[in-house]
Amino acid sequence: MTTFATIFVAELGDKTQLAGADRADSRKPWVVFAGSSLALVSTSLLGVIFAEFLCNFISPDIMKKVAAVAFVIMGVLIYFEKL
């Protein structure tokens, strides 16, 4: 439930969701839905597989800290329009 809620909230208003909404005005919105759903599932699968692989070498606590720092850096770069 926590994973669902986190991903659901994170994806609302995301650029990819807005792009999907833009495409949904086509004549086949269910095809757009299927394509965007498959894309999200595929990227989530890759993320989980990659994280599982990394957890063999790096502790999950370190991974969380590195991810947090990376998000802060990306946020700052986006704020100053450098990314």
PDB file of N, CA and C in Angstrom:
ATOM      1  N   MET A   1       0.816  -1.183   0.000  1.00  0.00           N
ATOM      2  CA  MET A   1       0.000   0.000   0.000  1.00  0.00           C
ATOM      3  C   MET A   1       0.868   1.258   0.000  1.00  0.00           C
ATOM      4  N   THR A   2       1.942   1.226   0.783  1.00  0.00           N
ATOM      5  CA  THR A   2       2.832   2.386   0.860  1.00  0.00           C
ATOM      6  C   THR A   2       3.490   2.655  -0.491  1.00  0.00           C
ATOM      7  N   THR A   3       3.948   1.587  -1.147  1.00  0.00           N
ATOM      8  CA  THR A   3       4.578   1.746  -2.457  1.00  0.00           C
ATOM      9  C   THR A   3       3.588   2.318  -3.459  1.00  0.00           C
ATOM     10  N   PHE A   4       2.366   1.782  -3.451  1.00  0.00           N
ATOM     11  CA  PHE A   4       1.339   2.293  -4.364  1.00  0.00           C
ATOM     12  C   PHE A   4       1.103   3.777  -4.118  1.00  0.00           C
ATOM     13  N   ALA A   5       0.903   4.154  -2.869  1.00  0.00           N
ATOM     14  CA  ALA A   5       0.609   5.551  -2.535  1.00  0.00           C
ATOM     15  C   ALA A   5       1.760   6.465  -2.936  1.00  0.00           C
ATOM     16  N   THR A   6       2.988   6.044  -2.676  1.00  0.00           N
ATOM     17  CA  THR A   6       4.152   6.854  -3.007  1.00  0.00           C
ATOM     18  C   THR A   6       4.251   7.087  -4.517  1.00  0.00           C
ATOM     19  N   ILE A   7       4.146   6.018  -5.283  1.00  0.00           N
ATOM     20  CA  ILE A   7       4.245   6.133  -6.748  1.00  0.00           C
ATOM     21  C   ILE A   7       3.066   6.918  -7.297  1.00  0.00           C
ATOM     22  N   PHE A   8       1.878   6.664  -6.784  1.00  0.00           N
ATOM     23  CA  PHE A   8       0.677   7.346  -7.260  1.00  0.00           C
ATOM     24  C   PHE A   8       0.800   8.854  -7.080  1.00  0.00           C
ATOM     25  N   VAL A   9       1.185   9.284  -5.895  1.00  0.00           N
ATOM     26  CA  VAL A   9       1.307  10.712  -5.618  1.00  0.00           C
ATOM     27  C   VAL A   9       2.462  11.315  -6.418  1.00  0.00           C
ATOM     28  N   ALA A  10       3.565  10.591  -6.529  1.00  0.00           N
ATOM     29  CA  ALA A  10       4.725  11.109  -7.260  1.00  0.00           C
ATOM     30  C   ALA A  10       4.413  11.297  -8.740  1.00  0.00           C
ATOM     31  N   GLU A  11       3.597  10.447  -9.288  1.00  0.00           N
ATOM     32  CA  GLU A  11       3.303  10.506 -10.720  1.00  0.00           C
ATOM     33  C   GLU A  11       2.232  11.531 -11.079  1.00  0.00           C
ATOM     34  N   LEU A  12       1.413  11.932 -10.113  1.00  0.00           N
ATOM     35  CA  LEU A  12       0.384  12.930 -10.419  1.00  0.00           C
ATOM     36  C   LEU A  12       1.042  14.243 -10.813  1.00  0.00           C
ATOM     37  N   GLY A  13       0.699  14.744 -11.961  1.00  0.00           N
ATOM     38  CA  GLY A  13       1.258  16.012 -12.411  1.00  0.00           C
ATOM     39  C   GLY A  13       2.661  15.918 -12.964  1.00  0.00           C
ATOM     40  N   ASP A  14       3.210  14.713 -13.025  1.00  0.00           N
ATOM     41  CA  ASP A  14       4.526  14.510 -13.604  1.00  0.00           C
ATOM     42  C   ASP A  14       4.459  14.836 -15.100  1.00  0.00           C
ATOM     43  N   LYS A  15       5.584  15.206 -15.679  1.00  0.00           N
ATOM     44  CA  LYS A  15       5.601  15.547 -17.104  1.00  0.00           C
ATOM     45  C   LYS A  15       5.098  14.401 -17.968  1.00  0.00           C
ATOM     46  N   THR A  16       5.434  13.174 -17.593  1.00  0.00           N
ATOM     47  CA  THR A  16       4.972  12.036 -18.393  1.00  0.00           C
ATOM     48  C   THR A  16       3.462  11.875 -18.302  1.00  0.00           C
ATOM     49  N   GLN A  17       2.880  12.180 -17.145  1.00  0.00           N
ATOM     50  CA  GLN A  17       1.423  12.110 -17.009  1.00  0.00           C
ATOM     51  C   GLN A  17       0.763  13.195 -17.854  1.00  0.00           C
ATOM     52  N   LEU A  18       1.361  14.365 -17.875  1.00  0.00           N
ATOM     53  CA  LEU A  18       0.822  15.442 -18.704  1.00  0.00           C
ATOM     54  C   LEU A  18       0.938  15.105 -20.186  1.00  0.00           C
ATOM     55  N   ALA A  19       2.033  14.448 -20.570  1.00  0.00           N
ATOM     56  CA  ALA A  19       2.185  14.025 -21.961  1.00  0.00           C
ATOM     57  C   ALA A  19       1.133  12.978 -22.315  1.00  0.00           C
ATOM     58  N   GLY A  20       0.866  12.071 -21.383  1.00  0.00           N
ATOM     59  CA  GLY A  20      -0.182  11.071 -21.604  1.00  0.00           C
ATOM     60  C   GLY A  20      -1.549  11.711 -21.727  1.00  0.00           C
ATOM     61  N   ALA A  21      -1.806  12.713 -20.906  1.00  0.00           N
ATOM     62  CA  ALA A  21      -3.085  13.428 -20.980  1.00  0.00           C
ATOM     63  C   ALA A  21      -3.210  14.149 -22.316  1.00  0.00           C
ATOM     64  N   ASP A  22      -2.109  14.684 -22.795  1.00  0.00           N
ATOM     65  CA  ASP A  22      -2.111  15.355 -24.093  1.00  0.00           C
ATOM     66  C   ASP A  22      -2.445  14.367 -25.201  1.00  0.00           C
ATOM     67  N   ARG A  23      -1.899  13.164 -25.098  1.00  0.00           N
ATOM     68  CA  ARG A  23      -2.149  12.125 -26.091  1.00  0.00           C
ATOM     69  C   ARG A  23      -3.561  11.549 -25.979  1.00  0.00           C
ATOM     70  N   ALA A  24      -4.135  11.603 -24.810  1.00  0.00           N
ATOM     71  CA  ALA A  24      -5.448  10.987 -24.581  1.00  0.00           C
ATOM     72  C   ALA A  24      -6.558  11.679 -25.354  1.00  0.00           C
ATOM     73  N   ASP A  25      -6.294  12.860 -25.871  1.00  0.00           N
ATOM     74  CA  ASP A  25      -7.325  13.516 -26.666  1.00  0.00           C
ATOM     75  C   ASP A  25      -7.413  12.935 -28.076  1.00  0.00           C
ATOM     76  N   SER A  26      -6.566  11.935 -28.342  1.00  0.00           N
ATOM     77  CA  SER A  26      -6.624  11.266 -29.635  1.00  0.00           C
ATOM     78  C   SER A  26      -7.902  10.433 -29.722  1.00  0.00           C
ATOM     79  N   ARG A  27      -8.083   9.787 -30.804  1.00  0.00           N
ATOM     80  CA  ARG A  27      -9.298   8.979 -31.009  1.00  0.00           C
ATOM     81  C   ARG A  27      -9.253   7.645 -30.269  1.00  0.00           C
ATOM     82  N   LYS A  28      -8.096   7.291 -29.711  1.00  0.00           N
ATOM     83  CA  LYS A  28      -7.948   6.003 -29.037  1.00  0.00           C
ATOM     84  C   LYS A  28      -7.348   6.187 -27.642  1.00  0.00           C
ATOM     85  N   PRO A  29      -8.103   6.761 -26.712  1.00  0.00           N
ATOM     86  CA  PRO A  29      -7.540   7.009 -25.374  1.00  0.00           C
ATOM     87  C   PRO A  29      -7.171   5.732 -24.634  1.00  0.00           C
ATOM     88  N   TRP A  30      -7.850   4.624 -24.891  1.00  0.00           N
ATOM     89  CA  TRP A  30      -7.511   3.373 -24.201  1.00  0.00           C
ATOM     90  C   TRP A  30      -6.165   2.831 -24.653  1.00  0.00           C
ATOM     91  N   VAL A  31      -5.801   3.094 -25.899  1.00  0.00           N
ATOM     92  CA  VAL A  31      -4.473   2.694 -26.370  1.00  0.00           C
ATOM     93  C   VAL A  31      -3.403   3.526 -25.667  1.00  0.00           C
ATOM     94  N   VAL A  32      -3.673   4.821 -25.482  1.00  0.00           N
ATOM     95  CA  VAL A  32      -2.758   5.690 -24.743  1.00  0.00           C
ATOM     96  C   VAL A  32      -2.629   5.194 -23.307  1.00  0.00           C
ATOM     97  N   PHE A  33      -3.748   4.846 -22.686  1.00  0.00           N
ATOM     98  CA  PHE A  33      -3.731   4.318 -21.318  1.00  0.00           C
ATOM     99  C   PHE A  33      -2.893   3.042 -21.245  1.00  0.00           C
ATOM    100  N   ALA A  34      -3.106   2.134 -22.176  1.00  0.00           N
ATOM    101  CA  ALA A  34      -2.362   0.866 -22.172  1.00  0.00           C
ATOM    102  C   ALA A  34      -0.862   1.123 -22.357  1.00  0.00           C
ATOM    103  N   GLY A  35      -0.526   2.019 -23.277  1.00  0.00           N
ATOM    104  CA  GLY A  35       0.882   2.316 -23.520  1.00  0.00           C
ATOM    105  C   GLY A  35       1.554   2.968 -22.326  1.00  0.00           C
ATOM    106  N   SER A  36       0.888   3.939 -21.719  1.00  0.00           N
ATOM    107  CA  SER A  36       1.493   4.612 -20.567  1.00  0.00           C
ATOM    108  C   SER A  36       1.571   3.678 -19.367  1.00  0.00           C
ATOM    109  N   SER A  37       0.585   2.814 -19.204  1.00  0.00           N
ATOM    110  CA  SER A  37       0.622   1.841 -18.102  1.00  0.00           C
ATOM    111  C   SER A  37       1.772   0.859 -18.285  1.00  0.00           C
ATOM    112  N   LEU A  38       1.931   0.366 -19.496  1.00  0.00           N
ATOM    113  CA  LEU A  38       3.011  -0.576 -19.781  1.00  0.00           C
ATOM    114  C   LEU A  38       4.373   0.084 -19.560  1.00  0.00           C
ATOM    115  N   ALA A  39       4.490   1.355 -19.945  1.00  0.00           N
ATOM    116  CA  ALA A  39       5.756   2.070 -19.741  1.00  0.00           C
ATOM    117  C   ALA A  39       6.072   2.206 -18.257  1.00  0.00           C
ATOM    118  N   LEU A  40       5.073   2.568 -17.439  1.00  0.00           N
ATOM    119  CA  LEU A  40       5.303   2.723 -15.999  1.00  0.00           C
ATOM    120  C   LEU A  40       5.661   1.385 -15.355  1.00  0.00           C
ATOM    121  N   VAL A  41       4.967   0.332 -15.747  1.00  0.00           N
ATOM    122  CA  VAL A  41       5.266  -1.001 -15.200  1.00  0.00           C
ATOM    123  C   VAL A  41       6.682  -1.424 -15.598  1.00  0.00           C
ATOM    124  N   SER A  42       7.054  -1.172 -16.842  1.00  0.00           N
ATOM    125  CA  SER A  42       8.386  -1.573 -17.321  1.00  0.00           C
ATOM    126  C   SER A  42       9.496  -0.833 -16.585  1.00  0.00           C
ATOM    127  N   THR A  43       9.344   0.481 -16.418  1.00  0.00           N
ATOM    128  CA  THR A  43      10.386   1.226 -15.717  1.00  0.00           C
ATOM    129  C   THR A  43      10.437   0.855 -14.235  1.00  0.00           C
ATOM    130  N   SER A  44       9.286   0.554 -13.657  1.00  0.00           N
ATOM    131  CA  SER A  44       9.277   0.104 -12.262  1.00  0.00           C
ATOM    132  C   SER A  44       9.981  -1.239 -12.127  1.00  0.00           C
ATOM    133  N   LEU A  45       9.743  -2.138 -13.070  1.00  0.00           N
ATOM    134  CA  LEU A  45      10.404  -3.447 -13.056  1.00  0.00           C
ATOM    135  C   LEU A  45      11.919  -3.277 -13.151  1.00  0.00           C
ATOM    136  N   LEU A  46      12.360  -2.440 -14.068  1.00  0.00           N
ATOM    137  CA  LEU A  46      13.801  -2.208 -14.198  1.00  0.00           C
ATOM    138  C   LEU A  46      14.386  -1.625 -12.919  1.00  0.00           C
ATOM    139  N   GLY A  47      13.674  -0.693 -12.304  1.00  0.00           N
ATOM    140  CA  GLY A  47      14.137  -0.102 -11.057  1.00  0.00           C
ATOM    141  C   GLY A  47      14.266  -1.123  -9.943  1.00  0.00           C
ATOM    142  N   VAL A  48      13.278  -1.996  -9.826  1.00  0.00           N
ATOM    143  CA  VAL A  48      13.303  -3.016  -8.775  1.00  0.00           C
ATOM    144  C   VAL A  48      14.436  -4.014  -9.017  1.00  0.00           C
ATOM    145  N   ILE A  49      14.595  -4.442 -10.260  1.00  0.00           N
ATOM    146  CA  ILE A  49      15.663  -5.397 -10.580  1.00  0.00           C
ATOM    147  C   ILE A  49      17.030  -4.770 -10.314  1.00  0.00           C
ATOM    148  N   PHE A  50      17.203  -3.509 -10.742  1.00  0.00           N
ATOM    149  CA  PHE A  50      18.484  -2.820 -10.522  1.00  0.00           C
ATOM    150  C   PHE A  50      18.756  -2.618  -9.033  1.00  0.00           C
ATOM    151  N   ALA A  51      17.732  -2.234  -8.282  1.00  0.00           N
ATOM    152  CA  ALA A  51      17.899  -2.038  -6.839  1.00  0.00           C
ATOM    153  C   ALA A  51      18.226  -3.351  -6.143  1.00  0.00           C
ATOM    154  N   GLU A  52      17.572  -4.427  -6.562  1.00  0.00           N
ATOM    155  CA  GLU A  52      17.851  -5.729  -5.952  1.00  0.00           C
ATOM    156  C   GLU A  52      19.316  -6.126  -6.206  1.00  0.00           C
ATOM    157  N   PHE A  53      19.789  -5.864  -7.414  1.00  0.00           N
ATOM    158  CA  PHE A  53      21.182  -6.154  -7.758  1.00  0.00           C
ATOM    159  C   PHE A  53      22.129  -5.311  -6.897  1.00  0.00           C
ATOM    160  N   LEU A  54      21.840  -4.007  -6.785  1.00  0.00           N
ATOM    161  CA  LEU A  54      22.702  -3.122  -6.004  1.00  0.00           C
ATOM    162  C   LEU A  54      22.722  -3.486  -4.523  1.00  0.00           C
ATOM    163  N   CYS A  55      21.593  -3.978  -4.017  1.00  0.00           N
ATOM    164  CA  CYS A  55      21.521  -4.336  -2.591  1.00  0.00           C
ATOM    165  C   CYS A  55      22.464  -5.482  -2.239  1.00  0.00           C
ATOM    166  N   ASN A  56      22.930  -6.210  -3.233  1.00  0.00           N
ATOM    167  CA  ASN A  56      23.922  -7.256  -2.977  1.00  0.00           C
ATOM    168  C   ASN A  56      25.283  -6.661  -2.637  1.00  0.00           C
ATOM    169  N   PHE A  57      25.501  -5.402  -3.039  1.00  0.00           N
ATOM    170  CA  PHE A  57      26.811  -4.782  -2.868  1.00  0.00           C
ATOM    171  C   PHE A  57      26.783  -3.554  -1.963  1.00  0.00           C
ATOM    172  N   ILE A  58      25.638  -2.898  -1.886  1.00  0.00           N
ATOM    173  CA  ILE A  58      25.518  -1.650  -1.135  1.00  0.00           C
ATOM    174  C   ILE A  58      24.343  -1.777  -0.168  1.00  0.00           C
ATOM    175  N   SER A  59      24.507  -1.280   1.036  1.00  0.00           N
ATOM    176  CA  SER A  59      23.425  -1.381   2.015  1.00  0.00           C
ATOM    177  C   SER A  59      22.257  -0.481   1.599  1.00  0.00           C
ATOM    178  N   PRO A  60      21.028  -0.917   1.859  1.00  0.00           N
ATOM    179  CA  PRO A  60      19.850  -0.107   1.516  1.00  0.00           C
ATOM    180  C   PRO A  60      19.865   1.275   2.173  1.00  0.00           C
ATOM    181  N   ASP A  61      20.435   1.378   3.372  1.00  0.00           N
ATOM    182  CA  ASP A  61      20.516   2.691   4.037  1.00  0.00           C
ATOM    183  C   ASP A  61      21.375   3.665   3.236  1.00  0.00           C
ATOM    184  N   ILE A  62      22.486   3.184   2.719  1.00  0.00           N
ATOM    185  CA  ILE A  62      23.360   4.032   1.905  1.00  0.00           C
ATOM    186  C   ILE A  62      22.642   4.409   0.612  1.00  0.00           C
ATOM    187  N   MET A  63      21.936   3.462   0.011  1.00  0.00           N
ATOM    188  CA  MET A  63      21.199   3.745  -1.224  1.00  0.00           C
ATOM    189  C   MET A  63      20.149   4.828  -0.996  1.00  0.00           C
ATOM    190  N   LYS A  64      19.443   4.776   0.139  1.00  0.00           N
ATOM    191  CA  LYS A  64      18.437   5.796   0.454  1.00  0.00           C
ATOM    192  C   LYS A  64      19.080   7.170   0.576  1.00  0.00           C
ATOM    193  N   LYS A  65      20.217   7.220   1.235  1.00  0.00           N
ATOM    194  CA  LYS A  65      20.906   8.500   1.421  1.00  0.00           C
ATOM    195  C   LYS A  65      21.417   9.055   0.095  1.00  0.00           C
ATOM    196  N   VAL A  66      21.978   8.198  -0.733  1.00  0.00           N
ATOM    197  CA  VAL A  66      22.460   8.636  -2.050  1.00  0.00           C
ATOM    198  C   VAL A  66      21.287   9.124  -2.898  1.00  0.00           C
ATOM    199  N   ALA A  67      20.170   8.405  -2.869  1.00  0.00           N
ATOM    200  CA  ALA A  67      18.986   8.818  -3.632  1.00  0.00           C
ATOM    201  C   ALA A  67      18.463  10.168  -3.135  1.00  0.00           C
ATOM    202  N   ALA A  68      18.446  10.354  -1.826  1.00  0.00           N
ATOM    203  CA  ALA A  68      17.975  11.629  -1.264  1.00  0.00           C
ATOM    204  C   ALA A  68      18.862  12.781  -1.713  1.00  0.00           C
ATOM    205  N   VAL A  69      20.165  12.596  -1.666  1.00  0.00           N
ATOM    206  CA  VAL A  69      21.092  13.639  -2.104  1.00  0.00           C
ATOM    207  C   VAL A  69      20.915  13.913  -3.594  1.00  0.00           C
ATOM    208  N   ALA A  70      20.754  12.856  -4.383  1.00  0.00           N
ATOM    209  CA  ALA A  70      20.565  13.029  -5.828  1.00  0.00           C
ATOM    210  C   ALA A  70      19.294  13.823  -6.122  1.00  0.00           C
ATOM    211  N   PHE A  71      18.207  13.546  -5.403  1.00  0.00           N
ATOM    212  CA  PHE A  71      16.965  14.283  -5.619  1.00  0.00           C
ATOM    213  C   PHE A  71      17.110  15.745  -5.224  1.00  0.00           C
ATOM    214  N   VAL A  72      17.826  16.009  -4.152  1.00  0.00           N
ATOM    215  CA  VAL A  72      18.047  17.400  -3.742  1.00  0.00           C
ATOM    216  C   VAL A  72      18.863  18.132  -4.802  1.00  0.00           C
ATOM    217  N   ILE A  73      19.910  17.492  -5.291  1.00  0.00           N
ATOM    218  CA  ILE A  73      20.742  18.113  -6.335  1.00  0.00           C
ATOM    219  C   ILE A  73      19.911  18.376  -7.585  1.00  0.00           C
ATOM    220  N   MET A  74      19.111  17.393  -8.009  1.00  0.00           N
ATOM    221  CA  MET A  74      18.265  17.596  -9.187  1.00  0.00           C
ATOM    222  C   MET A  74      17.263  18.717  -8.953  1.00  0.00           C
ATOM    223  N   GLY A  75      16.691  18.781  -7.766  1.00  0.00           N
ATOM    224  CA  GLY A  75      15.751  19.846  -7.445  1.00  0.00           C
ATOM    225  C   GLY A  75      16.386  21.221  -7.537  1.00  0.00           C
ATOM    226  N   VAL A  76      17.589  21.344  -7.008  1.00  0.00           N
ATOM    227  CA  VAL A  76      18.301  22.625  -7.066  1.00  0.00           C
ATOM    228  C   VAL A  76      18.618  22.986  -8.519  1.00  0.00           C
ATOM    229  N   LEU A  77      19.085  22.017  -9.288  1.00  0.00           N
ATOM    230  CA  LEU A  77      19.390  22.274 -10.700  1.00  0.00           C
ATOM    231  C   LEU A  77      18.138  22.673 -11.480  1.00  0.00           C
ATOM    232  N   ILE A  78      17.026  22.021 -11.209  1.00  0.00           N
ATOM    233  CA  ILE A  78      15.775  22.378 -11.878  1.00  0.00           C
ATOM    234  C   ILE A  78      15.337  23.772 -11.455  1.00  0.00           C
ATOM    235  N   TYR A  79      15.471  24.074 -10.174  1.00  0.00           N
ATOM    236  CA  TYR A  79      15.080  25.390  -9.663  1.00  0.00           C
ATOM    237  C   TYR A  79      15.851  26.505 -10.385  1.00  0.00           C
ATOM    238  N   PHE A  80      17.132  26.296 -10.584  1.00  0.00           N
ATOM    239  CA  PHE A  80      17.961  27.306 -11.244  1.00  0.00           C
ATOM    240  C   PHE A  80      18.017  27.114 -12.761  1.00  0.00           C
ATOM    241  N   GLU A  81      17.150  26.252 -13.262  1.00  0.00           N
ATOM    242  CA  GLU A  81      17.004  25.995 -14.715  1.00  0.00           C
ATOM    243  C   GLU A  81      18.302  25.570 -15.365  1.00  0.00           C
ATOM    244  N   LYS A  82      19.035  24.714 -14.692  1.00  0.00           N
ATOM    245  CA  LYS A  82      20.287  24.162 -15.212  1.00  0.00           C
ATOM    246  C   LYS A  82      20.105  22.721 -15.687  1.00  0.00           C
ATOM    247  N   LEU A  83      18.932  22.178 -15.458  1.00  0.00           N
ATOM    248  CA  LEU A  83      18.673  20.785 -15.851  1.00  0.00           C
ATOM    249  C   LEU A  83      17.416  20.736 -16.669  1.00  0.00           C
TER     250      LEU A  83
END
